[in-house]
Amino acid sequence: MGVLIELRQASKSITVSDSVQLDIIKSCSLSVSSGESVAIVGPSGSGKTTLLNLMAGFDQPTSGEVNLFGQPMSQMNELEKIQLRGSRLSFVFQDFHLLPALTALENITYLLTMHHKDHIHETAHYWLEQVGLSKRSGHLPSQLSGGECQRVAIARAFALGAELILADEPTGNLDKSTKDKVVDLFFECQSKRSTAVIIVTHDLSLADRCGRQLTL
């Protein structure tokens, strides 16, 4: 299996005052290969979301290196990062990040159009069907439940055809019954595509579904 993402002694620090530096991530090394599922767990403030942001290139390490799909992110400009995210990397967020003025279907087709994908409407309809929302495709996020919004977010992530999905607390805003259904759905979709996933979570039951767990 090919390595999709690799961190080599990556650290992230911030200066909180003239004489105080706070280490958020310190000398973190890990690699994730095609088809893997990895959970990153740890208490609040341990740096889980910061680590995810380093992996996505939203933030830069203070020291060390992050390689995404074999390319050092330190050598990419912002446009190159955006293009790489749109073609091979996707996201699922705790707060869904759906565009409120667009329907469930349009939230997917908009992203696919932005990244110049083929068969946009067919792909969007297919993934809405996979998450059981074909009949809700014309509804706005405000007309959907939290669980339905998260299912749209999952469909959008997999519709992009990404090789790697980064998920930040994807069940954090869901009640237990809805959470269990969404988790089942997420891993069903992952199995269909053999997509690698890295999940930041406080939810140990979700972490247990992953092939590996890393603790910060």
N, C-alpha and C. Protein backbone atom coordinates (compact mmCIF):
# COMPACT_ATOMS: atom_id res chain seq x y z
N MET A 1 0.84 -1.20 0.00
CA MET A 1 0.00 0.00 0.00
C MET A 1 0.87 1.24 0.00
N GLY A 2 0.50 2.23 -0.80
CA GLY A 2 1.27 3.46 -0.87
C GLY A 2 1.00 4.37 0.32
N VAL A 3 2.02 5.07 0.74
CA VAL A 3 1.88 6.03 1.84
C VAL A 3 1.24 7.30 1.29
N LEU A 4 0.14 7.72 1.89
CA LEU A 4 -0.57 8.92 1.45
C LEU A 4 -0.10 10.17 2.20
N ILE A 5 0.15 10.00 3.48
CA ILE A 5 0.58 11.15 4.28
C ILE A 5 1.63 10.69 5.28
N GLU A 6 2.63 11.53 5.47
CA GLU A 6 3.73 11.19 6.38
C GLU A 6 4.17 12.45 7.12
N LEU A 7 4.24 12.35 8.44
CA LEU A 7 4.80 13.42 9.27
C LEU A 7 6.15 12.95 9.80
N ARG A 8 7.14 13.81 9.66
CA ARG A 8 8.50 13.49 10.13
C ARG A 8 8.91 14.51 11.18
N GLN A 9 8.87 14.09 12.43
CA GLN A 9 9.29 14.94 13.55
C GLN A 9 8.63 16.32 13.48
N ALA A 10 7.35 16.34 13.16
CA ALA A 10 6.63 17.61 13.01
C ALA A 10 6.27 18.19 14.38
N SER A 11 6.56 19.46 14.55
CA SER A 11 6.23 20.18 15.78
C SER A 11 5.52 21.48 15.42
N LYS A 12 4.66 21.91 16.33
CA LYS A 12 3.98 23.20 16.17
C LYS A 12 3.99 23.92 17.50
N SER A 13 4.56 25.11 17.50
CA SER A 13 4.63 25.93 18.71
C SER A 13 4.08 27.31 18.40
N ILE A 14 3.56 27.97 19.43
CA ILE A 14 3.14 29.36 19.30
C ILE A 14 3.76 30.16 20.44
N THR A 15 4.01 31.42 20.17
CA THR A 15 4.55 32.32 21.19
C THR A 15 3.39 33.01 21.89
N VAL A 16 3.26 32.80 23.19
CA VAL A 16 2.14 33.37 23.94
C VAL A 16 2.53 34.67 24.64
N SER A 17 3.83 34.89 24.78
CA SER A 17 4.33 36.16 25.31
C SER A 17 5.78 36.30 24.88
N ASP A 18 6.41 37.38 25.25
CA ASP A 18 7.79 37.61 24.81
C ASP A 18 8.75 36.50 25.26
N SER A 19 8.43 35.87 26.36
CA SER A 19 9.38 34.89 26.91
C SER A 19 8.80 33.48 27.02
N VAL A 20 7.56 33.29 26.57
CA VAL A 20 6.91 31.99 26.74
C VAL A 20 6.50 31.44 25.38
N GLN A 21 6.92 30.20 25.12
CA GLN A 21 6.53 29.49 23.90
C GLN A 21 5.75 28.25 24.30
N LEU A 22 4.61 28.05 23.66
CA LEU A 22 3.74 26.91 23.97
C LEU A 22 3.87 25.86 22.87
N ASP A 23 4.25 24.65 23.27
CA ASP A 23 4.35 23.53 22.33
C ASP A 23 2.99 22.85 22.22
N ILE A 24 2.39 22.91 21.03
CA ILE A 24 1.09 22.27 20.80
C ILE A 24 1.30 20.84 20.30
N ILE A 25 2.15 20.67 19.32
CA ILE A 25 2.55 19.35 18.81
C ILE A 25 4.06 19.27 18.91
N LYS A 26 4.58 18.17 19.41
CA LYS A 26 6.03 18.07 19.60
C LYS A 26 6.56 16.78 18.99
N SER A 27 7.39 16.92 17.97
CA SER A 27 8.12 15.79 17.36
C SER A 27 7.20 14.62 17.02
N CYS A 28 6.15 14.90 16.24
CA CYS A 28 5.19 13.86 15.87
C CYS A 28 5.60 13.23 14.54
N SER A 29 5.70 11.91 14.54
CA SER A 29 6.00 11.17 13.32
C SER A 29 4.94 10.09 13.13
N LEU A 30 4.37 10.02 11.94
CA LEU A 30 3.39 8.98 11.62
C LEU A 30 3.24 8.92 10.11
N SER A 31 2.71 7.80 9.65
CA SER A 31 2.38 7.66 8.23
C SER A 31 1.07 6.89 8.11
N VAL A 32 0.31 7.21 7.07
CA VAL A 32 -0.97 6.54 6.81
C VAL A 32 -0.97 6.12 5.35
N SER A 33 -1.34 4.87 5.12
CA SER A 33 -1.31 4.31 3.77
C SER A 33 -2.71 4.15 3.20
N SER A 34 -2.79 3.84 1.93
CA SER A 34 -4.06 3.68 1.23
C SER A 34 -4.96 2.69 1.95
N GLY A 35 -6.23 3.07 2.10
CA GLY A 35 -7.23 2.18 2.66
C GLY A 35 -7.25 2.08 4.17
N GLU A 36 -6.30 2.70 4.85
CA GLU A 36 -6.26 2.62 6.32
C GLU A 36 -7.32 3.51 6.95
N SER A 37 -7.72 3.14 8.17
CA SER A 37 -8.56 4.00 9.00
C SER A 37 -7.82 4.22 10.32
N VAL A 38 -7.59 5.48 10.65
CA VAL A 38 -6.79 5.85 11.81
C VAL A 38 -7.56 6.85 12.66
N ALA A 39 -7.65 6.59 13.96
CA ALA A 39 -8.26 7.52 14.90
C ALA A 39 -7.18 8.21 15.70
N ILE A 40 -7.32 9.53 15.87
CA ILE A 40 -6.43 10.30 16.72
C ILE A 40 -7.25 10.76 17.92
N VAL A 41 -6.87 10.29 19.09
CA VAL A 41 -7.64 10.57 20.30
C VAL A 41 -6.74 11.28 21.31
N GLY A 42 -7.40 11.88 22.30
CA GLY A 42 -6.67 12.60 23.33
C GLY A 42 -7.56 13.64 23.96
N PRO A 43 -7.19 14.15 25.12
CA PRO A 43 -8.03 15.14 25.81
C PRO A 43 -8.08 16.46 25.07
N SER A 44 -9.05 17.29 25.42
CA SER A 44 -9.14 18.63 24.85
C SER A 44 -7.84 19.39 25.12
N GLY A 45 -7.37 20.10 24.10
CA GLY A 45 -6.14 20.86 24.25
C GLY A 45 -4.88 20.08 23.96
N SER A 46 -5.03 18.81 23.56
CA SER A 46 -3.83 17.99 23.31
C SER A 46 -3.24 18.22 21.92
N GLY A 47 -3.96 18.95 21.07
CA GLY A 47 -3.42 19.28 19.76
C GLY A 47 -3.98 18.46 18.61
N LYS A 48 -5.11 17.78 18.82
CA LYS A 48 -5.66 16.91 17.78
C LYS A 48 -6.03 17.70 16.51
N THR A 49 -6.78 18.78 16.68
CA THR A 49 -7.21 19.56 15.52
C THR A 49 -6.02 20.26 14.88
N THR A 50 -5.07 20.71 15.68
CA THR A 50 -3.85 21.30 15.12
C THR A 50 -3.13 20.29 14.24
N LEU A 51 -3.06 19.06 14.70
CA LEU A 51 -2.41 18.01 13.92
C LEU A 51 -3.13 17.80 12.59
N LEU A 52 -4.45 17.80 12.62
CA LEU A 52 -5.23 17.63 11.40
C LEU A 52 -4.97 18.80 10.44
N ASN A 53 -4.88 20.01 10.99
CA ASN A 53 -4.61 21.18 10.15
C ASN A 53 -3.23 21.12 9.52
N LEU A 54 -2.26 20.55 10.23
CA LEU A 54 -0.94 20.37 9.64
C LEU A 54 -1.00 19.37 8.48
N MET A 55 -1.77 18.29 8.67
CA MET A 55 -1.90 17.29 7.62
C MET A 55 -2.54 17.87 6.36
N ALA A 56 -3.50 18.77 6.54
CA ALA A 56 -4.23 19.34 5.41
C ALA A 56 -3.50 20.52 4.78
N GLY A 57 -2.44 21.00 5.43
CA GLY A 57 -1.74 22.17 4.92
C GLY A 57 -2.40 23.48 5.25
N PHE A 58 -3.39 23.46 6.16
CA PHE A 58 -4.00 24.71 6.60
C PHE A 58 -3.06 25.46 7.54
N ASP A 59 -2.13 24.74 8.14
CA ASP A 59 -1.15 25.30 9.05
C ASP A 59 0.21 24.71 8.71
N GLN A 60 1.27 25.39 9.11
CA GLN A 60 2.63 24.93 8.83
C GLN A 60 3.32 24.51 10.12
N PRO A 61 4.09 23.42 10.09
CA PRO A 61 4.82 23.05 11.30
C PRO A 61 5.93 24.05 11.61
N THR A 62 6.19 24.25 12.88
CA THR A 62 7.32 25.09 13.30
C THR A 62 8.63 24.42 12.93
N SER A 63 8.67 23.10 13.02
CA SER A 63 9.83 22.32 12.59
C SER A 63 9.34 20.97 12.12
N GLY A 64 10.22 20.25 11.41
CA GLY A 64 9.82 18.97 10.86
C GLY A 64 9.16 19.13 9.50
N GLU A 65 8.60 18.04 8.99
CA GLU A 65 8.07 18.04 7.63
C GLU A 65 6.77 17.26 7.56
N VAL A 66 5.88 17.71 6.68
CA VAL A 66 4.65 16.99 6.35
C VAL A 66 4.68 16.70 4.85
N ASN A 67 4.62 15.43 4.50
CA ASN A 67 4.55 15.03 3.09
C ASN A 67 3.15 14.52 2.80
N LEU A 68 2.51 15.10 1.80
CA LEU A 68 1.17 14.69 1.39
C LEU A 68 1.25 14.13 -0.01
N PHE A 69 0.85 12.85 -0.18
CA PHE A 69 0.94 12.16 -1.46
C PHE A 69 2.35 12.25 -2.04
N GLY A 70 3.32 12.10 -1.15
CA GLY A 70 4.71 12.06 -1.58
C GLY A 70 5.34 13.41 -1.84
N GLN A 71 4.60 14.48 -1.59
CA GLN A 71 5.13 15.82 -1.87
C GLN A 71 5.31 16.60 -0.57
N PRO A 72 6.49 17.20 -0.36
CA PRO A 72 6.69 18.03 0.84
C PRO A 72 5.81 19.28 0.77
N MET A 73 4.96 19.46 1.76
CA MET A 73 4.05 20.60 1.73
C MET A 73 4.78 21.93 1.91
N SER A 74 5.97 21.88 2.50
CA SER A 74 6.75 23.11 2.66
C SER A 74 7.19 23.68 1.33
N GLN A 75 7.18 22.85 0.29
CA GLN A 75 7.62 23.30 -1.03
C GLN A 75 6.46 23.66 -1.95
N MET A 76 5.22 23.59 -1.42
CA MET A 76 4.04 23.94 -2.22
C MET A 76 3.59 25.36 -1.93
N ASN A 77 3.09 26.05 -2.96
CA ASN A 77 2.42 27.31 -2.72
C ASN A 77 0.95 27.05 -2.41
N GLU A 78 0.22 28.08 -2.06
CA GLU A 78 -1.16 27.89 -1.62
C GLU A 78 -2.05 27.33 -2.73
N LEU A 79 -1.85 27.78 -3.96
CA LEU A 79 -2.64 27.27 -5.08
C LEU A 79 -2.41 25.79 -5.28
N GLU A 80 -1.16 25.36 -5.17
CA GLU A 80 -0.85 23.94 -5.32
C GLU A 80 -1.51 23.11 -4.22
N LYS A 81 -1.57 23.66 -3.01
CA LYS A 81 -2.24 22.96 -1.91
C LYS A 81 -3.74 22.84 -2.18
N ILE A 82 -4.34 23.92 -2.65
CA ILE A 82 -5.78 23.91 -2.95
C ILE A 82 -6.09 22.87 -4.02
N GLN A 83 -5.27 22.83 -5.06
CA GLN A 83 -5.49 21.87 -6.14
C GLN A 83 -5.33 20.44 -5.66
N LEU A 84 -4.37 20.22 -4.79
CA LEU A 84 -4.16 18.88 -4.25
C LEU A 84 -5.32 18.45 -3.36
N ARG A 85 -5.81 19.39 -2.54
CA ARG A 85 -6.97 19.07 -1.69
C ARG A 85 -8.18 18.72 -2.55
N GLY A 86 -8.39 19.48 -3.61
CA GLY A 86 -9.57 19.26 -4.44
C GLY A 86 -9.53 17.98 -5.24
N SER A 87 -8.34 17.48 -5.52
CA SER A 87 -8.24 16.30 -6.37
C SER A 87 -8.08 15.01 -5.58
N ARG A 88 -7.45 15.07 -4.39
CA ARG A 88 -7.09 13.82 -3.72
C ARG A 88 -7.42 13.80 -2.22
N LEU A 89 -7.84 14.93 -1.67
CA LEU A 89 -8.07 15.04 -0.23
C LEU A 89 -9.43 15.68 0.02
N SER A 90 -10.15 15.16 1.01
CA SER A 90 -11.46 15.72 1.34
C SER A 90 -11.66 15.75 2.85
N PHE A 91 -12.76 16.40 3.29
CA PHE A 91 -12.95 16.68 4.70
C PHE A 91 -14.39 16.41 5.14
N VAL A 92 -14.52 15.99 6.41
CA VAL A 92 -15.82 15.94 7.09
C VAL A 92 -15.63 16.66 8.42
N PHE A 93 -16.46 17.69 8.66
CA PHE A 93 -16.31 18.52 9.85
C PHE A 93 -17.44 18.26 10.84
N GLN A 94 -17.18 18.60 12.10
CA GLN A 94 -18.19 18.47 13.14
C GLN A 94 -19.42 19.32 12.84
N ASP A 95 -19.20 20.53 12.31
CA ASP A 95 -20.29 21.47 12.07
C ASP A 95 -20.79 21.43 10.64
N PHE A 96 -20.52 20.35 9.93
CA PHE A 96 -21.05 20.05 8.60
C PHE A 96 -20.46 20.94 7.50
N HIS A 97 -20.43 22.28 7.71
CA HIS A 97 -19.92 23.23 6.72
C HIS A 97 -20.67 23.13 5.40
N LEU A 98 -21.98 22.96 5.48
CA LEU A 98 -22.81 23.02 4.27
C LEU A 98 -23.15 24.48 3.97
N LEU A 99 -23.27 24.82 2.69
CA LEU A 99 -23.66 26.17 2.31
C LEU A 99 -25.16 26.32 2.49
N PRO A 100 -25.62 27.25 3.34
CA PRO A 100 -27.04 27.30 3.73
C PRO A 100 -28.00 27.64 2.60
N ALA A 101 -27.53 28.32 1.56
CA ALA A 101 -28.41 28.73 0.47
C ALA A 101 -28.53 27.66 -0.61
N LEU A 102 -27.78 26.57 -0.48
CA LEU A 102 -27.80 25.50 -1.48
C LEU A 102 -28.50 24.26 -0.93
N THR A 103 -29.16 23.54 -1.81
CA THR A 103 -29.81 22.28 -1.42
C THR A 103 -28.76 21.21 -1.14
N ALA A 104 -29.22 20.08 -0.62
CA ALA A 104 -28.31 18.97 -0.37
C ALA A 104 -27.56 18.58 -1.64
N LEU A 105 -28.29 18.46 -2.75
CA LEU A 105 -27.67 18.10 -4.02
C LEU A 105 -26.69 19.18 -4.46
N GLU A 106 -27.09 20.44 -4.36
CA GLU A 106 -26.24 21.54 -4.82
C GLU A 106 -24.98 21.68 -3.98
N ASN A 107 -25.04 21.33 -2.69
CA ASN A 107 -23.84 21.37 -1.87
C ASN A 107 -22.78 20.40 -2.40
N ILE A 108 -23.22 19.33 -3.01
CA ILE A 108 -22.27 18.38 -3.60
C ILE A 108 -21.85 18.81 -4.99
N THR A 109 -22.81 19.19 -5.83
CA THR A 109 -22.46 19.58 -7.21
C THR A 109 -21.59 20.82 -7.23
N TYR A 110 -21.81 21.74 -6.28
CA TYR A 110 -20.98 22.95 -6.22
C TYR A 110 -19.51 22.59 -6.02
N LEU A 111 -19.24 21.69 -5.08
CA LEU A 111 -17.85 21.30 -4.81
C LEU A 111 -17.25 20.58 -6.01
N LEU A 112 -18.02 19.69 -6.63
CA LEU A 112 -17.51 18.95 -7.78
C LEU A 112 -17.24 19.88 -8.96
N THR A 113 -18.12 20.87 -9.14
CA THR A 113 -17.92 21.85 -10.21
C THR A 113 -16.67 22.68 -9.96
N MET A 114 -16.50 23.11 -8.70
CA MET A 114 -15.36 23.94 -8.34
C MET A 114 -14.04 23.24 -8.64
N HIS A 115 -14.04 21.91 -8.49
CA HIS A 115 -12.81 21.15 -8.71
C HIS A 115 -12.80 20.43 -10.07
N HIS A 116 -13.70 20.86 -10.97
CA HIS A 116 -13.69 20.42 -12.37
C HIS A 116 -13.79 18.90 -12.51
N LYS A 117 -14.69 18.31 -11.73
CA LYS A 117 -14.89 16.86 -11.82
C LYS A 117 -15.83 16.53 -12.98
N ASP A 118 -15.79 15.28 -13.43
CA ASP A 118 -16.67 14.81 -14.50
C ASP A 118 -17.94 14.19 -13.91
N HIS A 119 -18.98 14.10 -14.74
CA HIS A 119 -20.24 13.42 -14.37
C HIS A 119 -20.77 13.95 -13.03
N ILE A 120 -20.85 15.26 -12.94
CA ILE A 120 -21.13 15.91 -11.66
C ILE A 120 -22.49 15.52 -11.10
N HIS A 121 -23.55 15.64 -11.88
CA HIS A 121 -24.88 15.36 -11.34
C HIS A 121 -25.08 13.87 -11.07
N GLU A 122 -24.54 13.03 -11.95
CA GLU A 122 -24.66 11.59 -11.73
C GLU A 122 -23.94 11.19 -10.44
N THR A 123 -22.75 11.74 -10.22
CA THR A 123 -21.98 11.42 -9.02
C THR A 123 -22.69 11.90 -7.77
N ALA A 124 -23.22 13.13 -7.81
CA ALA A 124 -23.91 13.69 -6.65
C ALA A 124 -25.15 12.87 -6.30
N HIS A 125 -25.93 12.52 -7.30
CA HIS A 125 -27.13 11.71 -7.05
C HIS A 125 -26.75 10.34 -6.50
N TYR A 126 -25.69 9.75 -7.03
CA TYR A 126 -25.26 8.43 -6.57
C TYR A 126 -24.92 8.45 -5.09
N TRP A 127 -24.14 9.45 -4.65
CA TRP A 127 -23.71 9.46 -3.26
C TRP A 127 -24.83 9.88 -2.31
N LEU A 128 -25.75 10.70 -2.77
CA LEU A 128 -26.92 10.98 -1.93
C LEU A 128 -27.75 9.71 -1.75
N GLU A 129 -27.82 8.90 -2.78
CA GLU A 129 -28.53 7.62 -2.66
C GLU A 129 -27.80 6.70 -1.68
N GLN A 130 -26.47 6.69 -1.72
CA GLN A 130 -25.69 5.84 -0.82
C GLN A 130 -25.93 6.20 0.65
N VAL A 131 -26.18 7.47 0.93
CA VAL A 131 -26.41 7.88 2.32
C VAL A 131 -27.91 7.98 2.64
N GLY A 132 -28.75 7.49 1.72
CA GLY A 132 -30.18 7.41 1.97
C GLY A 132 -30.92 8.71 1.92
N LEU A 133 -30.43 9.66 1.11
CA LEU A 133 -31.07 10.98 1.08
C LEU A 133 -31.55 11.39 -0.31
N SER A 134 -31.81 10.43 -1.17
CA SER A 134 -32.27 10.76 -2.52
C SER A 134 -33.53 11.62 -2.49
N LYS A 135 -34.43 11.31 -1.57
CA LYS A 135 -35.70 12.04 -1.51
C LYS A 135 -35.56 13.40 -0.83
N ARG A 136 -34.38 13.69 -0.29
CA ARG A 136 -34.16 14.97 0.39
C ARG A 136 -33.18 15.84 -0.40
N SER A 137 -32.91 15.48 -1.64
CA SER A 137 -31.89 16.18 -2.42
C SER A 137 -32.21 17.64 -2.66
N GLY A 138 -33.50 17.99 -2.68
CA GLY A 138 -33.90 19.36 -2.94
C GLY A 138 -34.09 20.20 -1.70
N HIS A 139 -33.76 19.66 -0.53
CA HIS A 139 -33.95 20.38 0.72
C HIS A 139 -32.71 21.18 1.11
N LEU A 140 -32.94 22.33 1.70
CA LEU A 140 -31.86 23.15 2.23
C LEU A 140 -31.37 22.58 3.56
N PRO A 141 -30.14 22.90 3.97
CA PRO A 141 -29.65 22.41 5.27
C PRO A 141 -30.58 22.75 6.43
N SER A 142 -31.23 23.90 6.38
CA SER A 142 -32.14 24.30 7.46
C SER A 142 -33.38 23.41 7.53
N GLN A 143 -33.64 22.67 6.46
CA GLN A 143 -34.79 21.77 6.41
C GLN A 143 -34.40 20.33 6.74
N LEU A 144 -33.13 20.13 7.07
CA LEU A 144 -32.63 18.80 7.38
C LEU A 144 -32.26 18.71 8.85
N SER A 145 -32.30 17.50 9.41
CA SER A 145 -31.85 17.29 10.78
C SER A 145 -30.33 17.32 10.82
N GLY A 146 -29.77 17.35 12.03
CA GLY A 146 -28.32 17.33 12.17
C GLY A 146 -27.71 16.07 11.56
N GLY A 147 -28.35 14.94 11.80
CA GLY A 147 -27.85 13.69 11.23
C GLY A 147 -27.90 13.68 9.71
N GLU A 148 -28.97 14.26 9.15
CA GLU A 148 -29.08 14.34 7.70
C GLU A 148 -28.02 15.27 7.11
N CYS A 149 -27.78 16.39 7.79
CA CYS A 149 -26.72 17.30 7.33
C CYS A 149 -25.36 16.60 7.34
N GLN A 150 -25.10 15.81 8.37
CA GLN A 150 -23.82 15.11 8.41
C GLN A 150 -23.74 14.06 7.32
N ARG A 151 -24.86 13.44 6.99
CA ARG A 151 -24.87 12.47 5.89
C ARG A 151 -24.60 13.15 4.55
N VAL A 152 -25.12 14.36 4.37
CA VAL A 152 -24.80 15.12 3.15
C VAL A 152 -23.30 15.43 3.11
N ALA A 153 -22.75 15.81 4.27
CA ALA A 153 -21.32 16.12 4.35
C ALA A 153 -20.47 14.89 4.01
N ILE A 154 -20.92 13.72 4.46
CA ILE A 154 -20.20 12.48 4.14
C ILE A 154 -20.31 12.19 2.64
N ALA A 155 -21.52 12.33 2.09
CA ALA A 155 -21.70 12.12 0.65
C ALA A 155 -20.81 13.06 -0.15
N ARG A 156 -20.73 14.31 0.27
CA ARG A 156 -19.91 15.30 -0.43
C ARG A 156 -18.43 14.90 -0.40
N ALA A 157 -17.97 14.42 0.75
CA ALA A 157 -16.56 14.03 0.89
C ALA A 157 -16.22 12.86 -0.02
N PHE A 158 -17.08 11.84 -0.06
CA PHE A 158 -16.79 10.68 -0.89
C PHE A 158 -17.04 10.95 -2.36
N ALA A 159 -17.97 11.85 -2.68
CA ALA A 159 -18.26 12.17 -4.08
C ALA A 159 -17.05 12.78 -4.77
N LEU A 160 -16.22 13.46 -4.01
CA LEU A 160 -15.05 14.10 -4.59
C LEU A 160 -14.05 13.09 -5.13
N GLY A 161 -14.17 11.83 -4.70
CA GLY A 161 -13.27 10.80 -5.18
C GLY A 161 -11.91 10.85 -4.52
N ALA A 162 -11.87 11.41 -3.31
CA ALA A 162 -10.59 11.59 -2.62
C ALA A 162 -9.99 10.25 -2.19
N GLU A 163 -8.66 10.22 -2.16
CA GLU A 163 -7.95 9.04 -1.66
C GLU A 163 -7.82 9.07 -0.14
N LEU A 164 -7.94 10.27 0.44
CA LEU A 164 -7.78 10.44 1.89
C LEU A 164 -8.84 11.42 2.39
N ILE A 165 -9.54 11.04 3.45
CA ILE A 165 -10.52 11.92 4.08
C ILE A 165 -10.07 12.21 5.50
N LEU A 166 -10.05 13.50 5.84
CA LEU A 166 -9.75 13.94 7.20
C LEU A 166 -11.07 14.34 7.85
N ALA A 167 -11.36 13.76 9.01
CA ALA A 167 -12.63 14.03 9.70
C ALA A 167 -12.35 14.57 11.09
N ASP A 168 -12.92 15.73 11.39
CA ASP A 168 -12.70 16.39 12.68
C ASP A 168 -13.97 16.31 13.52
N GLU A 169 -13.98 15.42 14.52
CA GLU A 169 -15.14 15.21 15.39
C GLU A 169 -16.43 15.06 14.58
N PRO A 170 -16.49 14.11 13.64
CA PRO A 170 -17.65 14.03 12.74
C PRO A 170 -18.96 13.66 13.42
N THR A 171 -18.91 13.15 14.66
CA THR A 171 -20.14 12.80 15.37
C THR A 171 -20.38 13.69 16.59
N GLY A 172 -19.60 14.76 16.72
CA GLY A 172 -19.63 15.57 17.93
C GLY A 172 -20.94 16.25 18.20
N ASN A 173 -21.72 16.55 17.15
CA ASN A 173 -22.99 17.27 17.33
C ASN A 173 -24.21 16.37 17.21
N LEU A 174 -24.01 15.07 17.29
CA LEU A 174 -25.11 14.14 17.07
C LEU A 174 -25.49 13.40 18.35
N ASP A 175 -26.79 13.09 18.49
CA ASP A 175 -27.21 12.27 19.62
C ASP A 175 -26.78 10.83 19.35
N LYS A 176 -26.84 9.99 20.39
CA LYS A 176 -26.26 8.64 20.29
C LYS A 176 -26.88 7.82 19.18
N SER A 177 -28.21 7.84 19.07
CA SER A 177 -28.87 7.04 18.05
C SER A 177 -28.45 7.47 16.65
N THR A 178 -28.45 8.78 16.42
CA THR A 178 -28.05 9.30 15.11
C THR A 178 -26.57 9.04 14.87
N LYS A 179 -25.76 9.22 15.92
CA LYS A 179 -24.32 9.01 15.80
C LYS A 179 -24.00 7.60 15.32
N ASP A 180 -24.66 6.59 15.92
CA ASP A 180 -24.38 5.21 15.56
C ASP A 180 -24.70 4.96 14.09
N LYS A 181 -25.80 5.55 13.60
CA LYS A 181 -26.17 5.37 12.20
C LYS A 181 -25.17 6.04 11.27
N VAL A 182 -24.72 7.24 11.66
CA VAL A 182 -23.77 7.98 10.83
C VAL A 182 -22.43 7.26 10.79
N VAL A 183 -21.99 6.72 11.93
CA VAL A 183 -20.71 5.99 11.97
C VAL A 183 -20.78 4.76 11.07
N ASP A 184 -21.88 4.00 11.17
CA ASP A 184 -22.04 2.83 10.29
C ASP A 184 -21.95 3.25 8.82
N LEU A 185 -22.64 4.33 8.50
CA LEU A 185 -22.68 4.82 7.13
C LEU A 185 -21.29 5.25 6.66
N PHE A 186 -20.58 5.95 7.52
CA PHE A 186 -19.25 6.43 7.17
C PHE A 186 -18.33 5.28 6.79
N PHE A 187 -18.33 4.23 7.60
CA PHE A 187 -17.43 3.10 7.33
C PHE A 187 -17.92 2.24 6.18
N GLU A 188 -19.23 2.22 5.93
CA GLU A 188 -19.74 1.54 4.73
C GLU A 188 -19.22 2.23 3.48
N CYS A 189 -19.27 3.57 3.47
CA CYS A 189 -18.78 4.34 2.34
C CYS A 189 -17.27 4.17 2.18
N GLN A 190 -16.58 4.14 3.30
CA GLN A 190 -15.12 3.98 3.24
C GLN A 190 -14.76 2.62 2.64
N SER A 191 -15.51 1.60 3.00
CA SER A 191 -15.25 0.26 2.49
C SER A 191 -15.49 0.20 0.98
N LYS A 192 -16.52 0.87 0.51
CA LYS A 192 -16.83 0.86 -0.92
C LYS A 192 -15.74 1.49 -1.75
N ARG A 193 -15.10 2.52 -1.22
CA ARG A 193 -14.10 3.24 -1.99
C ARG A 193 -12.66 2.88 -1.60
N SER A 194 -12.48 2.10 -0.53
CA SER A 194 -11.14 1.81 0.02
C SER A 194 -10.37 3.11 0.26
N THR A 195 -11.10 4.11 0.71
CA THR A 195 -10.50 5.41 1.01
C THR A 195 -9.82 5.36 2.36
N ALA A 196 -8.67 6.00 2.48
CA ALA A 196 -8.02 6.14 3.79
C ALA A 196 -8.72 7.25 4.55
N VAL A 197 -8.91 7.05 5.86
CA VAL A 197 -9.54 8.08 6.69
C VAL A 197 -8.72 8.29 7.95
N ILE A 198 -8.61 9.55 8.34
CA ILE A 198 -8.00 9.93 9.62
C ILE A 198 -9.06 10.71 10.38
N ILE A 199 -9.42 10.21 11.56
CA ILE A 199 -10.51 10.79 12.32
C ILE A 199 -9.99 11.31 13.66
N VAL A 200 -10.20 12.59 13.90
CA VAL A 200 -9.95 13.18 15.21
C VAL A 200 -11.23 13.08 16.01
N THR A 201 -11.18 12.49 17.20
CA THR A 201 -12.41 12.29 17.95
C THR A 201 -12.16 12.14 19.45
N HIS A 202 -13.18 12.55 20.23
CA HIS A 202 -13.22 12.21 21.65
C HIS A 202 -13.97 10.91 21.88
N ASP A 203 -14.66 10.45 20.83
CA ASP A 203 -15.59 9.34 20.93
C ASP A 203 -14.83 8.02 20.81
N LEU A 204 -14.63 7.33 21.93
CA LEU A 204 -13.85 6.10 21.90
C LEU A 204 -14.54 4.98 21.14
N SER A 205 -15.87 4.99 21.10
CA SER A 205 -16.57 3.96 20.33
C SER A 205 -16.33 4.15 18.83
N LEU A 206 -16.23 5.40 18.40
CA LEU A 206 -15.88 5.67 17.01
C LEU A 206 -14.43 5.29 16.75
N ALA A 207 -13.55 5.64 17.67
CA ALA A 207 -12.13 5.29 17.51
C ALA A 207 -11.93 3.78 17.40
N ASP A 208 -12.74 3.03 18.15
CA ASP A 208 -12.61 1.57 18.14
C ASP A 208 -12.95 0.96 16.78
N ARG A 209 -13.69 1.69 15.95
CA ARG A 209 -14.03 1.19 14.62
C ARG A 209 -12.86 1.31 13.64
N CYS A 210 -11.86 2.08 14.01
CA CYS A 210 -10.72 2.32 13.13
C CYS A 210 -9.68 1.21 13.28
N GLY A 211 -8.88 1.05 12.26
CA GLY A 211 -7.84 0.02 12.30
C GLY A 211 -6.72 0.33 13.25
N ARG A 212 -6.45 1.64 13.46
CA ARG A 212 -5.39 2.07 14.38
C ARG A 212 -5.88 3.23 15.21
N GLN A 213 -5.35 3.34 16.43
CA GLN A 213 -5.61 4.49 17.29
C GLN A 213 -4.29 5.11 17.70
N LEU A 214 -4.20 6.42 17.58
CA LEU A 214 -3.02 7.18 18.03
C LEU A 214 -3.48 8.14 19.10
N THR A 215 -2.75 8.21 20.21
CA THR A 215 -3.13 9.05 21.34
C THR A 215 -2.15 10.19 21.51
N LEU A 216 -2.70 11.41 21.61
CA LEU A 216 -1.88 12.59 21.89
C LEU A 216 -1.95 12.91 23.38
